[in-house]
Amino acid sequence: MPLSTILIIILILILIGAVPAWPHSRAWGYGPSGIVGVLLIVLLVLLLMGRI
């Protein structure tokens, strides 16, 4: 498996884990999912530029 595929899978799992849907994480707001979203956008830009 290429490295980019593994990184995308890991980021998607982190994004699902950062969704404030569980009782212990409702007070976090959108911070964790926002950070993961930015990381996902950076990864997609690098992927489209051919750097990964």
Protein backbone atom coordinates (compact mmCIF):
# COMPACT_ATOMS: atom_id res chain seq x y z
CA MET A 1 0.00 0.00 0.00
CA PRO A 2 1.34 3.45 -0.83
CA LEU A 3 2.12 5.82 2.00
CA SER A 4 -0.53 8.32 0.88
CA THR A 5 -3.30 5.74 1.18
CA ILE A 6 -2.24 4.87 4.71
CA LEU A 7 -2.12 8.55 5.68
CA ILE A 8 -5.60 9.19 4.29
CA ILE A 9 -7.04 6.20 6.17
CA ILE A 10 -5.42 7.34 9.42
CA LEU A 11 -6.68 10.91 9.00
CA ILE A 12 -10.23 9.73 8.28
CA LEU A 13 -10.19 7.59 11.44
CA ILE A 14 -8.90 10.54 13.48
CA LEU A 15 -11.59 12.78 11.99
CA ILE A 16 -14.30 10.30 12.98
CA GLY A 17 -12.81 10.09 16.49
CA ALA A 18 -12.74 13.90 16.83
CA VAL A 19 -16.45 14.41 16.09
CA PRO A 20 -18.06 15.78 19.28
CA ALA A 21 -20.75 13.10 19.48
CA TRP A 22 -19.82 11.34 22.70
CA PRO A 23 -20.65 12.73 26.15
CA HIS A 24 -17.03 13.15 27.22
CA SER A 25 -16.14 15.19 24.13
CA ARG A 26 -19.16 17.50 23.78
CA ALA A 27 -17.42 20.34 25.63
CA TRP A 28 -14.48 20.28 23.19
CA GLY A 29 -16.45 22.08 20.48
CA TYR A 30 -15.18 21.96 16.92
CA GLY A 31 -11.49 22.38 17.75
CA PRO A 32 -10.30 18.79 17.26
CA SER A 33 -12.27 18.19 14.08
CA GLY A 34 -11.18 21.58 12.73
CA ILE A 35 -7.53 20.74 13.27
CA VAL A 36 -7.95 17.36 11.61
CA GLY A 37 -9.82 19.01 8.74
CA VAL A 38 -6.91 21.38 8.15
CA LEU A 39 -4.49 18.45 8.21
CA LEU A 40 -6.67 16.62 5.69
CA ILE A 41 -6.71 19.65 3.36
CA VAL A 42 -2.91 19.98 3.60
CA LEU A 43 -2.53 16.26 2.84
CA LEU A 44 -4.84 16.51 -0.18
CA VAL A 45 -2.93 19.54 -1.52
CA LEU A 46 0.37 17.68 -1.12
CA LEU A 47 -1.14 14.64 -2.78
CA LEU A 48 -2.38 16.67 -5.75
CA MET A 49 0.99 18.41 -6.10
CA GLY A 50 2.70 15.02 -6.21
CA ARG A 51 4.82 15.58 -3.09
CA ILE A 52 3.55 12.41 -1.38
